[in-house]
Amino acid sequence: MSQIRALDPLDAASDLPRDARSVLELAARSMFQLFADTAEGMMVVDRSGRVVWISEGYKQFLPALGLKDEADFVGHRVEEVVPNTLMHEVIATGRPILVDLLTNKAGTFLVSRIPLRDEAGEVIGALGLVLMAHPESTMQPLMKKFAMLQRELDDARKQLAEQRRPKYTFASFIGSSPQAMEVKRQARRVAGTDSTVLLLGETGTGKELLAHAIHAASSRARRPFIGVNIAAVPETLLEAEFFGVAPGAYTGADRKGRDGKFKLADGGTLFLDEIGDMPAPLQAKLLRALQEQEIEPLGSNQVIKIDVRVIAATSRDLPALVAQGRFREDLYYRLNVVPIRIPALRERLSDLEALVEALEEDIARRSGMPHREVTPEALEVLRRHPWRGNIRELRNVLEQVSLLTDDLRLDAHHFARVLSPGEAQAAAPVAAAADEARTAGPQPPQAPHVRPLAEAVAELERRAIAEALRITGGNKLAAARLLRISRATLYEKLAAWPELRQLS
């Protein structure tokens, strides 16, 4: 006992209680008194959250809280007299909040909250301490860092939300032709459902834009829109890209694991572009995910339930691929619930003028160049072009022409420079008439037998790809290896030359 008496911080001269219980009670009273003396304010609430006691120091904050005296505070529920308090959370969970910033109309305070327990360990209330009033003055560097981190977190959340928000609406799908109006009618109708949609159409017709628009008009609009281009992802990575990776699934894997596109799109929409290029081994797993609405990450035995609406798109002939055994028939029927065919640009040339105007405005906005006017003669030249790349090709041509001249009016002769030789020759009478109206001076001699270098290189590439596909029997992966280019690069080239697809 002499050793215990020597450790007594209260009164070394007095005799200590003989039992440990009394020692603990004395220690508790000592700590309570220490808190009351050192804290700027202290309160005690019971298990129902009512204030039962406040220290003399705490009374200094009552006027700032809009209260006249102690009677307006004690006996009331703590959330009624202290805005933004978390005392009720401490009572409910039994876990302390040792350091926190509390901000309300009385100011900003550094506070601590500790649960109080009875002999059986049950929470009977909580102790709240104001450690420091107005810490923004005495803890300015820490407060600045906290504010900076909060801003960075808010910015990151905003950027993430922007990336996953639909970029386009039905207003973005430009056109008033009967074909365009029918596409929008079908898309608006299906947007109100959760049905799987299959968008069909040539490359560059606006399939991804329409997918965004369907999501934006659906009940899932506030949830993520996640898109993945299957042709652009290496075959060996597709499973992990879709279904995610469990922690430590393989050497070098992230110890925290990685969510796949299905998990990221949970509650929202998953857009599968170029679905016709999905490898056969993965088609069965995709079918299960669509049917059961559940996935199994790579390297995991855990099945995760998901809620995802799928919109698929392809420029390929899926029924032909099914007939060839290169695409699962059951997966095709699962995707082909609501098919929407998007017409090629040459099938809705009445929309060409509106598309040109909208694209010119967007090019000017993005590039900082002045807005260009396209003359009726130039529009006539554009109508004669076959537009194998559709609206994507149209935008490319308009951007090229805008970069090659400072003229604010784009005439027929401007487009003759960038169109292929066949279209350029067809445009020659229109371009000549426009030139004659603009100037009577002599025209420079033409050299039709000399092809632009870019066209010559493109033709060489086209022939090399055609030969590689012929040698490999249409196997794109083998053809890409033979050409020493990536599979994704080969798909980009094939998108530019649709006539080569029959070789694959």
Protein backbone atom coordinates (compact mmCIF):
# COMPACT_ATOMS: atom_id res chain seq x y z
CA MET A 1 0.00 0.00 0.00
CA SER A 2 2.92 2.32 0.59
CA GLN A 3 3.68 2.14 -3.12
CA ILE A 4 0.08 3.11 -4.00
CA ARG A 5 0.09 6.01 -1.53
CA ALA A 6 3.26 7.43 -3.13
CA LEU A 7 1.54 7.56 -6.49
CA ASP A 8 -1.45 9.55 -5.14
CA PRO A 9 -1.52 12.84 -7.10
CA LEU A 10 -4.23 14.40 -4.96
CA ASP A 11 -2.99 14.37 -1.40
CA ALA A 12 0.19 12.48 -0.62
CA ALA A 13 -0.26 13.20 3.08
CA SER A 14 -3.71 11.65 3.35
CA ASP A 15 -4.39 7.93 3.56
CA LEU A 16 -5.55 6.32 0.29
CA PRO A 17 -8.70 4.18 0.11
CA ARG A 18 -7.86 0.54 0.58
CA ASP A 19 -9.84 -0.99 -2.29
CA ALA A 20 -9.17 -0.58 -6.00
CA ARG A 21 -12.78 0.49 -6.71
CA SER A 22 -12.34 3.56 -4.52
CA VAL A 23 -9.06 4.34 -6.25
CA LEU A 24 -10.81 4.27 -9.67
CA GLU A 25 -13.62 6.50 -8.41
CA LEU A 26 -11.08 8.95 -7.05
CA ALA A 27 -9.21 8.90 -10.38
CA ALA A 28 -12.45 9.56 -12.26
CA ARG A 29 -13.27 12.53 -10.05
CA SER A 30 -9.76 13.83 -10.50
CA MET A 31 -9.94 13.56 -14.29
CA PHE A 32 -13.37 15.18 -14.37
CA GLN A 33 -12.08 18.10 -12.29
CA LEU A 34 -9.01 18.35 -14.53
CA PHE A 35 -11.19 18.54 -17.64
CA ALA A 36 -13.41 21.18 -16.01
CA ASP A 37 -10.39 23.29 -15.07
CA THR A 38 -8.47 23.08 -18.35
CA ALA A 39 -11.24 23.01 -20.98
CA GLU A 40 -12.89 26.26 -22.01
CA GLY A 41 -16.26 24.63 -21.49
CA MET A 42 -17.79 21.27 -20.65
CA MET A 43 -21.22 19.65 -20.70
CA VAL A 44 -22.78 16.32 -19.75
CA VAL A 45 -25.78 14.77 -21.50
CA ASP A 46 -27.80 11.70 -20.48
CA ARG A 47 -28.57 8.65 -22.57
CA SER A 48 -31.56 10.39 -24.20
CA GLY A 49 -29.35 13.29 -25.31
CA ARG A 50 -30.63 15.87 -22.77
CA VAL A 51 -28.16 18.31 -21.26
CA VAL A 52 -27.92 17.64 -17.47
CA TRP A 53 -24.97 19.85 -16.54
CA ILE A 54 -22.64 22.56 -17.93
CA SER A 55 -19.48 24.02 -16.44
CA GLU A 56 -19.07 27.66 -15.49
CA GLY A 57 -16.80 28.12 -18.50
CA TYR A 58 -19.42 26.83 -20.92
CA LYS A 59 -21.85 29.57 -19.88
CA GLN A 60 -19.75 32.11 -21.83
CA PHE A 61 -21.03 30.60 -25.10
CA LEU A 62 -24.74 30.87 -24.28
CA PRO A 63 -25.27 34.46 -25.60
CA ALA A 64 -23.67 33.54 -28.94
CA LEU A 65 -26.08 30.59 -29.16
CA GLY A 66 -29.00 32.98 -28.63
CA LEU A 67 -29.73 31.83 -25.04
CA LYS A 68 -30.18 34.08 -22.00
CA ASP A 69 -29.17 31.84 -19.12
CA GLU A 70 -28.44 28.29 -18.00
CA ALA A 71 -32.14 27.41 -17.71
CA ASP A 72 -32.54 27.88 -21.47
CA PHE A 73 -29.80 25.27 -22.06
CA VAL A 74 -29.85 22.61 -19.33
CA GLY A 75 -32.77 20.19 -19.64
CA HIS A 76 -33.08 20.58 -23.41
CA ARG A 77 -32.03 18.06 -26.06
CA VAL A 78 -28.47 18.87 -27.07
CA GLU A 79 -29.24 19.12 -30.82
CA GLU A 80 -31.86 21.79 -30.04
CA VAL A 81 -29.40 24.11 -28.30
CA VAL A 82 -26.09 23.24 -30.05
CA PRO A 83 -26.42 23.26 -33.87
CA ASN A 84 -24.33 20.64 -35.76
CA THR A 85 -23.48 18.67 -32.61
CA LEU A 86 -22.53 15.00 -32.88
CA MET A 87 -23.17 14.11 -29.23
CA HIS A 88 -26.14 11.93 -30.24
CA GLU A 89 -23.83 9.93 -32.53
CA VAL A 90 -21.42 9.26 -29.65
CA ILE A 91 -24.29 8.02 -27.47
CA ALA A 92 -25.68 5.82 -30.26
CA THR A 93 -22.35 4.21 -31.23
CA GLY A 94 -20.49 4.31 -27.93
CA ARG A 95 -17.40 5.51 -29.79
CA PRO A 96 -15.61 8.73 -28.81
CA ILE A 97 -14.82 11.60 -31.18
CA LEU A 98 -11.61 12.81 -29.59
CA VAL A 99 -10.78 15.75 -31.87
CA ASP A 100 -13.21 17.52 -34.16
CA LEU A 101 -14.09 20.96 -35.48
CA LEU A 102 -17.60 22.18 -34.65
CA THR A 103 -18.94 25.19 -36.53
CA ASN A 104 -22.25 26.91 -35.83
CA LYS A 105 -23.59 30.42 -35.28
CA ALA A 106 -21.48 30.76 -32.13
CA GLY A 107 -18.27 30.27 -34.14
CA THR A 108 -15.76 27.48 -34.75
CA PHE A 109 -14.56 25.31 -31.87
CA LEU A 110 -12.09 22.49 -31.33
CA VAL A 111 -14.11 19.91 -29.40
CA SER A 112 -13.93 16.41 -27.95
CA ARG A 113 -16.80 14.01 -27.19
CA ILE A 114 -16.51 10.98 -24.87
CA PRO A 115 -19.18 8.36 -24.04
CA LEU A 116 -20.00 7.70 -20.37
CA ARG A 117 -20.71 4.11 -19.25
CA ASP A 118 -22.17 2.47 -16.14
CA GLU A 119 -20.74 -0.50 -14.24
CA ALA A 120 -22.23 -2.92 -16.79
CA GLY A 121 -20.59 -1.06 -19.67
CA GLU A 122 -23.83 0.41 -21.01
CA VAL A 123 -23.68 3.96 -22.39
CA ILE A 124 -25.54 6.26 -20.01
CA GLY A 125 -24.59 9.58 -21.60
CA ALA A 126 -21.70 11.58 -23.00
CA LEU A 127 -19.20 14.23 -21.99
CA GLY A 128 -18.54 17.14 -24.33
CA LEU A 129 -15.52 19.43 -24.02
CA VAL A 130 -14.68 22.68 -25.78
CA LEU A 131 -10.90 22.39 -26.01
CA MET A 132 -10.37 25.65 -27.88
CA ALA A 133 -12.65 28.46 -29.00
CA HIS A 134 -12.02 30.12 -32.38
CA PRO A 135 -9.07 27.90 -33.39
CA GLU A 136 -8.87 29.67 -36.74
CA SER A 137 -6.76 32.35 -35.07
CA THR A 138 -4.43 30.16 -33.00
CA MET A 139 -4.34 27.19 -35.41
CA GLN A 140 -4.29 29.10 -38.68
CA PRO A 141 -1.74 26.89 -40.55
CA LEU A 142 -3.67 23.72 -39.67
CA MET A 143 -6.98 25.34 -40.61
CA LYS A 144 -5.58 26.47 -43.97
CA LYS A 145 -4.33 22.98 -44.71
CA PHE A 146 -7.68 21.50 -43.73
CA ALA A 147 -9.51 23.98 -45.98
CA MET A 148 -7.14 23.27 -48.87
CA LEU A 149 -7.63 19.50 -48.55
CA GLN A 150 -11.40 19.99 -48.42
CA ARG A 151 -11.32 22.08 -51.62
CA GLU A 152 -9.18 19.48 -53.38
CA LEU A 153 -11.59 16.72 -52.32
CA ASP A 154 -14.57 18.75 -53.56
CA ASP A 155 -12.80 19.42 -56.88
CA ALA A 156 -11.95 15.74 -57.32
CA ARG A 157 -15.55 14.74 -56.65
CA LYS A 158 -16.79 17.36 -59.10
CA GLN A 159 -14.38 16.23 -61.84
CA LEU A 160 -15.33 12.58 -61.32
CA ALA A 161 -19.02 13.48 -61.52
CA GLU A 162 -18.41 15.48 -64.70
CA GLN A 163 -16.55 12.58 -66.33
CA ARG A 164 -19.37 10.15 -65.62
CA ARG A 165 -22.19 12.51 -66.49
CA PRO A 166 -23.87 12.09 -69.90
CA LYS A 167 -22.25 14.47 -72.38
CA TYR A 168 -25.12 14.64 -74.84
CA THR A 169 -28.90 14.85 -74.95
CA PHE A 170 -31.39 14.24 -77.75
CA ALA A 171 -30.91 17.87 -78.76
CA SER A 172 -27.31 16.94 -79.62
CA PHE A 173 -28.52 14.48 -82.27
CA ILE A 174 -28.93 17.00 -85.06
CA GLY A 175 -31.36 16.47 -87.89
CA SER A 176 -35.00 16.94 -88.86
CA SER A 177 -35.14 14.43 -91.71
CA PRO A 178 -37.70 11.61 -91.40
CA GLN A 179 -34.86 9.16 -90.73
CA ALA A 180 -33.37 11.26 -87.91
CA MET A 181 -36.75 11.94 -86.35
CA GLU A 182 -37.59 8.23 -86.32
CA VAL A 183 -34.31 7.41 -84.56
CA LYS A 184 -35.01 10.03 -81.88
CA ARG A 185 -38.57 8.80 -81.47
CA GLN A 186 -37.44 5.23 -80.86
CA ALA A 187 -34.64 6.32 -78.52
CA ARG A 188 -36.91 8.57 -76.43
CA ARG A 189 -39.41 5.75 -76.07
CA VAL A 190 -36.84 3.22 -74.88
CA ALA A 191 -35.16 5.74 -72.55
CA GLY A 192 -38.04 5.40 -70.12
CA THR A 193 -37.37 1.69 -69.66
CA ASP A 194 -34.46 -0.43 -68.40
CA SER A 195 -34.41 -2.58 -71.55
CA THR A 196 -31.13 -3.42 -73.21
CA VAL A 197 -30.58 -1.38 -76.38
CA LEU A 198 -28.54 -2.37 -79.44
CA LEU A 199 -27.45 0.56 -81.61
CA LEU A 200 -26.63 -0.40 -85.20
CA GLY A 201 -24.95 1.76 -87.77
CA GLU A 202 -21.80 2.53 -89.70
CA THR A 203 -18.80 4.08 -88.04
CA GLY A 204 -19.21 7.78 -87.29
CA THR A 205 -23.02 7.88 -87.37
CA GLY A 206 -23.38 8.97 -83.72
CA LYS A 207 -24.00 5.73 -81.81
CA GLU A 208 -22.14 6.88 -78.69
CA LEU A 209 -23.91 10.26 -78.76
CA LEU A 210 -27.28 8.50 -78.86
CA ALA A 211 -26.26 6.22 -75.97
CA HIS A 212 -25.47 9.28 -73.86
CA ALA A 213 -28.81 10.82 -74.83
CA ILE A 214 -30.76 7.70 -73.84
CA HIS A 215 -29.03 7.65 -70.44
CA ALA A 216 -29.63 11.39 -69.92
CA ALA A 217 -33.37 10.93 -70.53
CA SER A 218 -33.67 7.86 -68.27
CA SER A 219 -34.32 7.49 -64.55
CA ARG A 220 -30.62 6.63 -64.19
CA ALA A 221 -29.43 10.03 -65.41
CA ARG A 222 -27.97 10.98 -62.00
CA ARG A 223 -26.02 7.72 -61.82
CA PRO A 224 -22.78 6.95 -63.74
CA PHE A 225 -22.54 6.53 -67.50
CA ILE A 226 -19.55 4.26 -68.18
CA GLY A 227 -18.38 3.60 -71.71
CA VAL A 228 -15.84 1.09 -72.98
CA ASN A 229 -14.65 0.54 -76.55
CA ILE A 230 -14.06 -3.21 -76.77
CA ALA A 231 -11.93 -2.89 -79.90
CA ALA A 232 -9.53 -0.51 -78.13
CA VAL A 233 -8.79 -2.80 -75.15
CA PRO A 234 -6.25 -5.63 -75.53
CA GLU A 235 -7.93 -9.02 -75.43
CA THR A 236 -5.88 -10.14 -72.42
CA LEU A 237 -7.15 -7.21 -70.34
CA LEU A 238 -10.81 -7.30 -71.25
CA GLU A 239 -11.95 -9.58 -68.40
CA ALA A 240 -10.28 -7.39 -65.77
CA GLU A 241 -11.62 -4.28 -67.51
CA PHE A 242 -15.19 -5.57 -67.31
CA PHE A 243 -15.35 -7.46 -64.03
CA GLY A 244 -12.51 -5.98 -61.96
CA VAL A 245 -9.63 -7.58 -60.08
CA ALA A 246 -9.66 -8.98 -56.54
CA PRO A 247 -6.91 -7.79 -54.14
CA GLY A 248 -3.66 -9.67 -54.84
CA ALA A 249 -5.24 -11.70 -57.66
CA TYR A 250 -1.88 -11.94 -59.44
CA THR A 251 1.68 -10.73 -59.07
CA GLY A 252 1.84 -6.96 -59.33
CA ALA A 253 -1.89 -6.50 -58.80
CA ASP A 254 -3.08 -3.64 -56.63
CA ARG A 255 -3.36 -4.83 -53.04
CA LYS A 256 -6.67 -2.98 -52.78
CA GLY A 257 -8.02 -4.57 -55.95
CA ARG A 258 -9.67 -2.67 -58.80
CA ASP A 259 -13.30 -2.23 -59.76
CA GLY A 260 -14.36 -3.16 -63.28
CA LYS A 261 -16.67 -1.25 -65.58
CA PHE A 262 -19.74 -3.16 -64.41
CA LYS A 263 -19.10 -2.19 -60.78
CA LEU A 264 -18.37 1.44 -61.72
CA ALA A 265 -21.65 1.60 -63.65
CA ASP A 266 -23.70 0.11 -60.80
CA GLY A 267 -27.05 1.91 -60.68
CA GLY A 268 -26.33 3.59 -64.02
CA THR A 269 -25.65 2.69 -67.66
CA LEU A 270 -22.82 0.69 -69.25
CA PHE A 271 -22.14 1.46 -72.92
CA LEU A 272 -20.41 -1.37 -74.80
CA ASP A 273 -19.08 0.04 -78.07
CA GLU A 274 -18.00 -2.30 -80.88
CA ILE A 275 -19.64 -5.29 -79.17
CA GLY A 276 -19.09 -7.35 -82.34
CA ASP A 277 -15.36 -7.41 -81.59
CA MET A 278 -15.73 -9.15 -78.22
CA PRO A 279 -13.59 -12.31 -78.04
CA ALA A 280 -15.54 -15.58 -77.87
CA PRO A 281 -14.21 -16.69 -74.42
CA LEU A 282 -15.55 -13.52 -72.81
CA GLN A 283 -18.96 -13.64 -74.47
CA ALA A 284 -20.21 -16.34 -72.07
CA LYS A 285 -19.21 -14.30 -69.00
CA LEU A 286 -20.86 -11.20 -70.44
CA LEU A 287 -24.04 -13.17 -71.07
CA ARG A 288 -24.12 -14.34 -67.44
CA ALA A 289 -23.56 -10.79 -66.17
CA LEU A 290 -26.45 -9.53 -68.30
CA GLN A 291 -28.83 -12.33 -67.36
CA GLU A 292 -28.08 -12.65 -63.65
CA GLN A 293 -27.03 -9.03 -62.94
CA GLU A 294 -24.03 -10.33 -61.00
CA ILE A 295 -20.28 -10.42 -61.59
CA GLU A 296 -17.27 -12.24 -60.20
CA PRO A 297 -14.00 -10.23 -60.14
CA LEU A 298 -10.87 -11.81 -61.54
CA GLY A 299 -9.18 -13.92 -58.83
CA SER A 300 -12.20 -13.89 -56.53
CA ASN A 301 -14.88 -16.40 -55.54
CA GLN A 302 -17.22 -13.66 -54.34
CA VAL A 303 -20.29 -12.91 -56.46
CA ILE A 304 -21.27 -9.24 -56.51
CA LYS A 305 -24.82 -8.17 -57.35
CA ILE A 306 -25.11 -5.21 -59.71
CA ASP A 307 -27.86 -3.07 -61.21
CA VAL A 308 -26.70 -1.99 -64.67
CA ARG A 309 -28.57 -0.99 -67.81
CA VAL A 310 -26.60 -2.00 -70.92
CA ILE A 311 -26.50 -0.15 -74.24
CA ALA A 312 -24.43 -1.93 -76.89
CA ALA A 313 -23.33 -0.65 -80.27
CA THR A 314 -21.71 -2.13 -83.35
CA SER A 315 -20.96 -1.28 -86.95
CA ARG A 316 -20.70 -4.96 -87.83
CA ASP A 317 -23.29 -7.43 -89.13
CA LEU A 318 -24.03 -9.42 -85.98
CA PRO A 319 -26.40 -11.96 -87.63
CA ALA A 320 -23.63 -12.77 -90.12
CA LEU A 321 -21.15 -13.22 -87.26
CA VAL A 322 -23.65 -15.52 -85.53
CA ALA A 323 -24.00 -17.57 -88.72
CA GLN A 324 -20.21 -17.87 -88.92
CA GLY A 325 -20.01 -19.02 -85.30
CA ARG A 326 -17.99 -15.97 -84.27
CA PHE A 327 -20.68 -14.47 -82.01
CA ARG A 328 -22.87 -16.36 -79.56
CA GLU A 329 -26.46 -16.58 -80.70
CA ASP A 330 -27.84 -16.42 -77.13
CA LEU A 331 -25.78 -13.27 -76.42
CA TYR A 332 -27.04 -11.70 -79.66
CA TYR A 333 -30.67 -12.23 -78.61
CA ARG A 334 -29.91 -10.92 -75.12
CA LEU A 335 -28.50 -7.70 -76.60
CA ASN A 336 -31.00 -7.35 -79.44
CA VAL A 337 -33.94 -6.51 -77.16
CA VAL A 338 -34.52 -3.05 -78.63
CA PRO A 339 -32.49 -2.57 -81.84
CA ILE A 340 -32.19 0.98 -83.20
CA ARG A 341 -30.58 1.47 -86.58
CA ILE A 342 -28.89 4.84 -87.10
CA PRO A 343 -28.90 5.84 -90.79
CA ALA A 344 -25.73 6.73 -92.65
CA LEU A 345 -25.16 10.37 -93.54
CA ARG A 346 -25.73 9.67 -97.25
CA GLU A 347 -29.21 8.40 -96.31
CA ARG A 348 -30.21 11.72 -94.72
CA LEU A 349 -28.49 14.37 -96.80
CA SER A 350 -31.30 16.82 -96.03
CA ASP A 351 -29.67 17.13 -92.59
CA LEU A 352 -26.27 17.99 -94.06
CA GLU A 353 -26.64 21.78 -93.86
CA ALA A 354 -27.72 21.71 -90.20
CA LEU A 355 -24.89 19.32 -89.35
CA VAL A 356 -22.32 21.51 -91.10
CA GLU A 357 -23.51 24.59 -89.21
CA ALA A 358 -23.42 22.82 -85.84
CA LEU A 359 -20.00 21.28 -86.49
CA GLU A 360 -18.55 24.60 -87.62
CA GLU A 361 -19.77 26.26 -84.42
CA ASP A 362 -18.21 23.50 -82.31
CA ILE A 363 -14.90 23.65 -84.22
CA ALA A 364 -14.75 27.43 -83.74
CA ARG A 365 -15.53 27.12 -80.03
CA ARG A 366 -12.96 24.41 -79.37
CA SER A 367 -10.16 25.80 -81.52
CA GLY A 368 -10.61 29.54 -80.99
CA MET A 369 -10.80 30.09 -84.76
CA PRO A 370 -13.48 32.37 -86.21
CA HIS A 371 -16.76 30.82 -87.32
CA ARG A 372 -16.75 29.98 -91.04
CA GLU A 373 -19.68 30.24 -93.45
CA VAL A 374 -20.12 27.38 -95.92
CA THR A 375 -21.51 28.54 -99.26
CA PRO A 376 -24.32 26.77 -101.16
CA GLU A 377 -21.78 25.71 -103.83
CA ALA A 378 -19.64 24.07 -101.15
CA LEU A 379 -22.67 22.30 -99.70
CA GLU A 380 -23.43 20.91 -103.15
CA VAL A 381 -19.90 19.48 -103.31
CA LEU A 382 -20.33 17.94 -99.86
CA ARG A 383 -23.61 16.30 -100.90
CA ARG A 384 -21.77 14.45 -103.70
CA HIS A 385 -19.24 12.90 -101.31
CA PRO A 386 -19.98 9.26 -100.28
CA TRP A 387 -19.15 9.92 -96.56
CA ARG A 388 -17.91 6.46 -95.65
CA GLY A 389 -16.90 7.84 -92.25
CA ASN A 390 -20.23 9.66 -91.91
CA ILE A 391 -20.45 12.57 -89.43
CA ARG A 392 -16.99 11.86 -88.01
CA GLU A 393 -15.53 12.19 -91.51
CA LEU A 394 -17.59 15.33 -92.15
CA ARG A 395 -16.17 16.97 -89.04
CA ASN A 396 -12.65 15.97 -90.07
CA VAL A 397 -13.09 17.56 -93.51
CA LEU A 398 -14.53 20.79 -92.06
CA GLU A 399 -11.69 21.04 -89.55
CA GLN A 400 -9.03 20.44 -92.22
CA VAL A 401 -10.50 23.08 -94.50
CA SER A 402 -10.77 25.59 -91.63
CA LEU A 403 -7.10 25.06 -90.77
CA LEU A 404 -5.90 25.42 -94.37
CA THR A 405 -7.38 28.86 -95.04
CA ASP A 406 -8.00 32.22 -93.40
CA ASP A 407 -11.07 32.83 -95.54
CA LEU A 408 -14.29 33.28 -93.57
CA ARG A 409 -16.37 31.88 -96.45
CA LEU A 410 -15.67 28.28 -97.39
CA ASP A 411 -16.40 27.70 -101.08
CA ALA A 412 -16.34 24.66 -103.34
CA HIS A 413 -12.65 25.06 -104.23
CA HIS A 414 -11.67 24.90 -100.53
CA PHE A 415 -13.16 21.42 -100.18
CA ALA A 416 -11.71 20.19 -103.48
CA ARG A 417 -8.29 20.36 -101.76
CA VAL A 418 -9.08 17.78 -99.09
CA LEU A 419 -11.53 15.44 -100.83
CA SER A 420 -10.20 12.35 -102.62
CA PRO A 421 -9.33 12.73 -106.32
CA GLY A 422 -12.63 11.22 -107.48
CA GLU A 423 -14.72 13.67 -105.49
CA ALA A 424 -12.37 16.52 -106.36
CA GLN A 425 -12.89 15.87 -110.09
CA ALA A 426 -16.66 15.69 -109.58
CA ALA A 427 -16.49 18.99 -107.74
CA ALA A 428 -14.37 20.64 -110.42
CA PRO A 429 -17.26 22.23 -112.41
CA VAL A 430 -18.77 23.69 -109.25
CA ALA A 431 -15.38 24.88 -107.99
CA ALA A 432 -14.53 26.40 -111.39
CA ALA A 433 -17.81 28.31 -111.50
CA ALA A 434 -17.19 29.67 -108.00
CA ASP A 435 -13.63 30.66 -108.91
CA GLU A 436 -14.78 32.42 -112.08
CA ALA A 437 -17.35 34.42 -110.12
CA ARG A 438 -14.73 35.36 -107.54
CA THR A 439 -11.87 36.34 -109.87
CA ALA A 440 -11.31 36.67 -113.60
CA GLY A 441 -7.55 36.17 -113.30
CA PRO A 442 -5.74 33.16 -114.79
CA GLN A 443 -5.80 30.00 -112.75
CA PRO A 444 -2.59 28.17 -111.86
CA PRO A 445 -1.89 25.03 -113.90
CA GLN A 446 -3.14 21.81 -112.34
CA ALA A 447 -1.17 18.60 -112.00
CA PRO A 448 -3.83 15.89 -111.67
CA HIS A 449 -1.28 13.09 -112.17
CA VAL A 450 0.50 13.99 -108.88
CA ARG A 451 -1.34 12.69 -105.81
CA PRO A 452 -0.99 14.37 -102.41
CA LEU A 453 1.46 12.52 -100.17
CA ALA A 454 -1.17 11.81 -97.49
CA GLU A 455 -3.42 10.13 -100.06
CA ALA A 456 -0.57 8.04 -101.44
CA VAL A 457 0.42 6.87 -97.94
CA ALA A 458 -3.20 6.07 -97.07
CA GLU A 459 -3.60 3.99 -100.24
CA LEU A 460 -0.40 2.10 -99.42
CA GLU A 461 -1.70 1.37 -95.91
CA ARG A 462 -5.04 0.19 -97.31
CA ARG A 463 -3.34 -2.23 -99.69
CA ALA A 464 -1.03 -3.57 -96.97
CA ILE A 465 -3.95 -4.22 -94.62
CA ALA A 466 -5.98 -5.89 -97.36
CA GLU A 467 -3.05 -8.18 -98.18
CA ALA A 468 -2.48 -9.05 -94.50
CA LEU A 469 -6.17 -9.93 -94.04
CA ARG A 470 -6.09 -12.07 -97.18
CA ILE A 471 -3.01 -13.98 -95.98
CA THR A 472 -4.41 -14.57 -92.49
CA GLY A 473 -7.86 -15.53 -93.70
CA GLY A 474 -9.49 -12.51 -92.08
CA ASN A 475 -7.95 -13.07 -88.62
CA LYS A 476 -7.48 -9.49 -87.38
CA LEU A 477 -5.21 -10.39 -84.49
CA ALA A 478 -2.87 -12.33 -86.77
CA ALA A 479 -3.05 -9.57 -89.38
CA ALA A 480 -2.10 -6.94 -86.78
CA ARG A 481 0.91 -9.03 -85.75
CA LEU A 482 1.92 -9.47 -89.36
CA LEU A 483 1.72 -5.70 -89.92
CA ARG A 484 3.44 -5.06 -86.55
CA ILE A 485 0.69 -2.75 -85.35
CA SER A 486 -1.66 -3.01 -82.39
CA ARG A 487 -5.10 -4.60 -82.67
CA ALA A 488 -6.68 -1.27 -81.75
CA THR A 489 -4.76 0.52 -84.55
CA LEU A 490 -5.95 -2.08 -87.05
CA TYR A 491 -9.58 -1.52 -85.99
CA GLU A 492 -9.14 2.24 -86.45
CA LYS A 493 -7.84 1.66 -89.97
CA LEU A 494 -10.71 -0.72 -90.77
CA ALA A 495 -13.18 1.89 -89.56
CA ALA A 496 -11.77 4.28 -92.17
CA TRP A 497 -12.06 1.65 -94.96
CA PRO A 498 -15.35 -0.28 -94.47
CA GLU A 499 -14.79 -2.13 -97.74
CA LEU A 500 -11.98 -4.09 -96.07
CA ARG A 501 -14.31 -5.60 -93.46
CA GLN A 502 -15.56 -8.21 -95.91
CA LEU A 503 -12.03 -9.62 -95.86
CA SER A 504 -12.15 -10.16 -92.08
